[in-house]
């Protein structure tokens, strides 16, 4: 779903995705899992669009769909506490030694 005024679509979206992917090593910013398939990549607004409505690359990170959905509109610090909880519940997913 495209937000009003959001210019990230088509060739522009792919170019930004490729730029952010190269910058960030083609892995999910949150769980650090590498992307094996570019079609599984989502672009996430690190600071939520509702707080800072920009789609400039400095506010974009790559995220797997589960992390992007879990983060939703949370600020990064709120989401970090959620990740810590998830790592405690499922340490294998996050590479945490039990």
N, C-alpha and C. Protein backbone atom coordinates (compact mmCIF):
# COMPACT_ATOMS: atom_id res chain seq x y z
N UNK A 1 0.84 -1.18 0.00
CA UNK A 1 0.00 0.00 0.00
C UNK A 1 0.89 1.25 0.00
N UNK A 2 0.69 2.11 -0.93
CA UNK A 2 1.49 3.32 -1.06
C UNK A 2 0.86 4.44 -0.24
N UNK A 3 1.68 5.10 0.55
CA UNK A 3 1.21 6.25 1.33
C UNK A 3 1.15 7.46 0.42
N UNK A 4 0.25 8.36 0.73
CA UNK A 4 0.17 9.60 -0.02
C UNK A 4 1.50 10.34 0.09
N UNK A 5 2.05 10.70 -1.04
CA UNK A 5 3.31 11.42 -1.04
C UNK A 5 4.54 10.54 -0.94
N UNK A 6 4.37 9.23 -0.80
CA UNK A 6 5.51 8.33 -0.70
C UNK A 6 5.98 8.00 -2.11
N UNK A 7 7.19 8.38 -2.46
CA UNK A 7 7.70 8.22 -3.81
C UNK A 7 8.40 6.89 -4.02
N UNK A 8 8.37 6.00 -3.05
CA UNK A 8 9.08 4.73 -3.17
C UNK A 8 8.25 3.69 -3.90
N UNK A 9 8.33 3.72 -5.21
CA UNK A 9 7.64 2.70 -6.00
C UNK A 9 8.41 2.49 -7.31
N UNK A 10 8.17 1.36 -7.94
CA UNK A 10 8.78 1.06 -9.23
C UNK A 10 10.30 1.08 -9.22
N UNK A 11 10.88 1.69 -10.25
CA UNK A 11 12.34 1.73 -10.40
C UNK A 11 13.01 2.47 -9.25
N UNK A 12 12.37 3.51 -8.77
CA UNK A 12 12.95 4.27 -7.65
C UNK A 12 13.05 3.38 -6.41
N UNK A 13 11.99 2.63 -6.13
CA UNK A 13 12.00 1.73 -4.97
C UNK A 13 13.12 0.70 -5.10
N UNK A 14 13.26 0.11 -6.28
CA UNK A 14 14.31 -0.90 -6.49
C UNK A 14 15.70 -0.27 -6.32
N UNK A 15 15.89 0.92 -6.85
CA UNK A 15 17.19 1.59 -6.72
C UNK A 15 17.51 1.89 -5.26
N UNK A 16 16.53 2.38 -4.52
CA UNK A 16 16.73 2.67 -3.09
C UNK A 16 16.98 1.37 -2.33
N UNK A 17 16.20 0.33 -2.62
CA UNK A 17 16.39 -0.97 -1.97
C UNK A 17 17.80 -1.48 -2.22
N UNK A 18 18.27 -1.39 -3.46
CA UNK A 18 19.62 -1.86 -3.78
C UNK A 18 20.68 -1.03 -3.06
N UNK A 19 20.48 0.28 -2.99
CA UNK A 19 21.42 1.16 -2.28
C UNK A 19 21.48 0.79 -0.79
N UNK A 20 20.31 0.67 -0.17
CA UNK A 20 20.25 0.35 1.26
C UNK A 20 20.81 -1.06 1.49
N UNK A 21 20.51 -1.99 0.59
CA UNK A 21 21.03 -3.36 0.71
C UNK A 21 22.54 -3.40 0.66
N UNK A 22 23.13 -2.67 -0.27
CA UNK A 22 24.60 -2.63 -0.35
C UNK A 22 25.18 -1.93 0.87
N UNK A 23 24.53 -0.88 1.32
CA UNK A 23 25.00 -0.14 2.50
C UNK A 23 24.98 -1.02 3.75
N UNK A 24 23.92 -1.81 3.88
CA UNK A 24 23.69 -2.56 5.12
C UNK A 24 24.01 -4.05 5.03
N UNK A 25 24.56 -4.49 3.91
CA UNK A 25 25.01 -5.88 3.83
C UNK A 25 23.93 -6.91 3.54
N UNK A 26 22.82 -6.50 2.95
CA UNK A 26 21.74 -7.43 2.56
C UNK A 26 21.33 -8.37 3.69
N UNK A 27 21.08 -7.79 4.84
CA UNK A 27 20.55 -8.56 5.96
C UNK A 27 19.50 -7.73 6.68
N UNK A 28 18.63 -8.42 7.41
CA UNK A 28 17.60 -7.72 8.17
C UNK A 28 18.28 -6.86 9.24
N UNK A 29 17.91 -5.62 9.30
CA UNK A 29 18.51 -4.69 10.26
C UNK A 29 18.24 -5.13 11.70
N UNK A 30 17.14 -5.81 11.94
CA UNK A 30 16.71 -6.14 13.30
C UNK A 30 17.19 -7.51 13.77
N UNK A 31 16.98 -8.56 12.99
CA UNK A 31 17.38 -9.90 13.44
C UNK A 31 18.70 -10.35 12.82
N UNK A 32 19.23 -9.56 11.89
CA UNK A 32 20.52 -9.79 11.23
C UNK A 32 20.54 -11.03 10.32
N UNK A 33 19.39 -11.60 10.06
CA UNK A 33 19.34 -12.75 9.16
C UNK A 33 19.59 -12.26 7.72
N UNK A 34 20.52 -12.94 6.99
CA UNK A 34 20.79 -12.51 5.62
C UNK A 34 19.63 -12.84 4.68
N UNK A 35 19.47 -12.04 3.66
CA UNK A 35 18.42 -12.28 2.66
C UNK A 35 18.99 -13.18 1.57
N UNK A 36 18.33 -14.32 1.35
CA UNK A 36 18.73 -15.21 0.26
C UNK A 36 17.99 -14.85 -1.02
N UNK A 37 16.87 -14.17 -0.88
CA UNK A 37 16.02 -13.83 -2.02
C UNK A 37 15.64 -12.35 -1.91
N UNK A 38 15.99 -11.59 -2.91
CA UNK A 38 15.71 -10.15 -2.90
C UNK A 38 14.22 -9.87 -2.77
N UNK A 39 13.38 -10.78 -3.25
CA UNK A 39 11.93 -10.55 -3.16
C UNK A 39 11.43 -10.61 -1.71
N UNK A 40 12.25 -11.15 -0.80
CA UNK A 40 11.85 -11.23 0.61
C UNK A 40 12.20 -9.96 1.38
N UNK A 41 12.86 -9.02 0.72
CA UNK A 41 13.31 -7.78 1.37
C UNK A 41 12.16 -6.79 1.47
N UNK A 42 12.01 -6.19 2.64
CA UNK A 42 11.10 -5.05 2.78
C UNK A 42 11.94 -3.85 3.22
N UNK A 43 11.49 -2.68 2.84
CA UNK A 43 12.11 -1.44 3.31
C UNK A 43 11.30 -0.95 4.50
N UNK A 44 11.98 -0.68 5.59
CA UNK A 44 11.29 -0.21 6.79
C UNK A 44 11.76 1.20 7.11
N UNK A 45 10.82 2.02 7.52
CA UNK A 45 11.17 3.36 8.02
C UNK A 45 11.67 3.17 9.45
N UNK A 46 12.97 3.37 9.65
CA UNK A 46 13.59 3.16 10.96
C UNK A 46 12.88 4.01 12.02
N UNK A 47 12.77 5.29 11.76
CA UNK A 47 11.90 6.14 12.58
C UNK A 47 10.57 6.15 11.85
N UNK A 48 9.50 5.72 12.49
CA UNK A 48 8.23 5.52 11.79
C UNK A 48 7.78 6.74 10.99
N UNK A 49 7.16 6.43 9.86
CA UNK A 49 6.60 7.45 8.96
C UNK A 49 5.69 8.40 9.74
N UNK A 50 4.96 7.86 10.70
CA UNK A 50 4.02 8.68 11.48
C UNK A 50 4.75 9.73 12.33
N UNK A 51 6.02 9.48 12.64
CA UNK A 51 6.82 10.41 13.44
C UNK A 51 7.66 11.32 12.55
N UNK A 52 8.26 10.74 11.52
CA UNK A 52 9.13 11.48 10.61
C UNK A 52 8.80 11.05 9.18
N UNK A 53 7.87 11.74 8.52
CA UNK A 53 7.39 11.30 7.21
C UNK A 53 8.39 11.58 6.08
N UNK A 54 9.43 10.74 6.02
CA UNK A 54 10.40 10.83 4.93
C UNK A 54 10.78 9.42 4.49
N UNK A 55 11.05 9.29 3.22
CA UNK A 55 11.53 8.02 2.67
C UNK A 55 12.95 8.18 2.14
N UNK A 56 13.69 9.07 2.74
CA UNK A 56 15.09 9.24 2.36
C UNK A 56 15.88 8.04 2.89
N UNK A 57 16.92 7.61 2.16
CA UNK A 57 17.66 6.42 2.56
C UNK A 57 18.19 6.44 3.99
N UNK A 58 18.49 7.62 4.53
CA UNK A 58 19.01 7.67 5.90
C UNK A 58 17.98 7.21 6.94
N UNK A 59 16.70 7.15 6.56
CA UNK A 59 15.67 6.68 7.48
C UNK A 59 15.13 5.31 7.06
N UNK A 60 15.79 4.65 6.13
CA UNK A 60 15.33 3.35 5.66
C UNK A 60 16.32 2.26 6.01
N UNK A 61 15.80 1.10 6.38
CA UNK A 61 16.61 -0.09 6.63
C UNK A 61 15.92 -1.27 5.96
N UNK A 62 16.68 -2.32 5.69
CA UNK A 62 16.09 -3.55 5.20
C UNK A 62 15.56 -4.33 6.38
N UNK A 63 14.41 -4.96 6.19
CA UNK A 63 13.83 -5.77 7.25
C UNK A 63 13.14 -6.97 6.64
N UNK A 64 13.23 -8.12 7.31
CA UNK A 64 12.44 -9.26 6.88
C UNK A 64 10.98 -8.96 7.24
N UNK A 65 10.07 -9.61 6.58
CA UNK A 65 8.65 -9.31 6.81
C UNK A 65 8.24 -9.51 8.27
N UNK A 66 8.66 -10.62 8.94
CA UNK A 66 8.25 -10.77 10.35
C UNK A 66 8.74 -9.62 11.24
N UNK A 67 9.98 -9.19 11.05
CA UNK A 67 10.49 -8.07 11.86
C UNK A 67 9.78 -6.77 11.51
N UNK A 68 9.54 -6.54 10.23
CA UNK A 68 8.86 -5.32 9.81
C UNK A 68 7.45 -5.28 10.39
N UNK A 69 6.75 -6.40 10.35
CA UNK A 69 5.40 -6.46 10.90
C UNK A 69 5.43 -6.28 12.42
N UNK A 70 6.41 -6.90 13.09
CA UNK A 70 6.50 -6.80 14.55
C UNK A 70 6.83 -5.38 14.99
N UNK A 71 7.73 -4.72 14.25
CA UNK A 71 8.10 -3.35 14.62
C UNK A 71 6.94 -2.40 14.40
N UNK A 72 6.22 -2.60 13.30
CA UNK A 72 5.07 -1.74 12.96
C UNK A 72 5.47 -0.27 13.07
N UNK A 73 4.77 0.50 13.87
CA UNK A 73 5.05 1.93 14.01
C UNK A 73 5.81 2.26 15.29
N UNK A 74 6.47 1.25 15.86
CA UNK A 74 7.21 1.49 17.10
C UNK A 74 8.49 2.27 16.82
N UNK A 75 8.90 3.04 17.79
CA UNK A 75 10.20 3.70 17.72
C UNK A 75 11.28 2.64 17.94
N UNK A 76 12.49 2.83 17.42
CA UNK A 76 13.53 1.80 17.53
C UNK A 76 13.78 1.30 18.95
N UNK A 77 13.78 2.16 19.95
CA UNK A 77 14.06 1.71 21.32
C UNK A 77 12.94 0.81 21.84
N UNK A 78 11.71 1.09 21.48
CA UNK A 78 10.58 0.24 21.89
C UNK A 78 10.71 -1.12 21.21
N UNK A 79 11.05 -1.11 19.93
CA UNK A 79 11.20 -2.36 19.20
C UNK A 79 12.38 -3.16 19.73
N UNK A 80 13.45 -2.50 20.16
CA UNK A 80 14.61 -3.20 20.71
C UNK A 80 14.22 -4.01 21.93
N UNK A 81 13.36 -3.48 22.77
CA UNK A 81 12.93 -4.25 23.94
C UNK A 81 12.10 -5.45 23.52
N UNK A 82 11.31 -5.32 22.45
CA UNK A 82 10.57 -6.45 21.92
C UNK A 82 11.52 -7.52 21.39
N UNK A 83 12.58 -7.12 20.69
CA UNK A 83 13.56 -8.08 20.18
C UNK A 83 14.25 -8.82 21.32
N UNK A 84 14.58 -8.12 22.39
CA UNK A 84 15.20 -8.78 23.54
C UNK A 84 14.27 -9.83 24.12
N UNK A 85 13.00 -9.52 24.21
CA UNK A 85 12.02 -10.48 24.69
C UNK A 85 11.95 -11.69 23.75
N UNK A 86 11.88 -11.44 22.44
CA UNK A 86 11.81 -12.53 21.47
C UNK A 86 13.06 -13.39 21.51
N UNK A 87 14.23 -12.79 21.70
CA UNK A 87 15.47 -13.54 21.79
C UNK A 87 15.47 -14.45 23.01
N UNK A 88 14.86 -14.01 24.09
CA UNK A 88 14.76 -14.86 25.28
C UNK A 88 13.81 -16.03 25.05
N UNK A 89 12.75 -15.79 24.29
CA UNK A 89 11.76 -16.83 24.01
C UNK A 89 12.28 -17.82 22.97
N UNK A 90 12.98 -17.34 21.94
CA UNK A 90 13.45 -18.17 20.83
C UNK A 90 14.91 -17.83 20.51
N UNK A 91 15.86 -18.29 21.37
CA UNK A 91 17.26 -17.91 21.20
C UNK A 91 17.87 -18.39 19.88
N UNK A 92 17.40 -19.51 19.33
CA UNK A 92 17.96 -20.01 18.07
C UNK A 92 17.72 -19.05 16.92
N UNK A 93 16.57 -18.42 16.89
CA UNK A 93 16.24 -17.48 15.79
C UNK A 93 17.20 -16.31 15.77
N UNK A 94 17.67 -15.90 16.93
CA UNK A 94 18.51 -14.71 17.03
C UNK A 94 19.98 -15.03 17.30
N UNK A 95 20.33 -16.31 17.25
CA UNK A 95 21.73 -16.70 17.43
C UNK A 95 22.26 -16.43 18.82
N UNK A 96 21.38 -16.53 19.80
CA UNK A 96 21.76 -16.29 21.19
C UNK A 96 22.06 -17.63 21.85
N UNK A 97 23.21 -17.74 22.50
CA UNK A 97 23.55 -18.98 23.20
C UNK A 97 22.61 -19.18 24.37
N UNK A 98 22.11 -20.38 24.49
CA UNK A 98 21.16 -20.68 25.58
C UNK A 98 21.86 -20.83 26.90
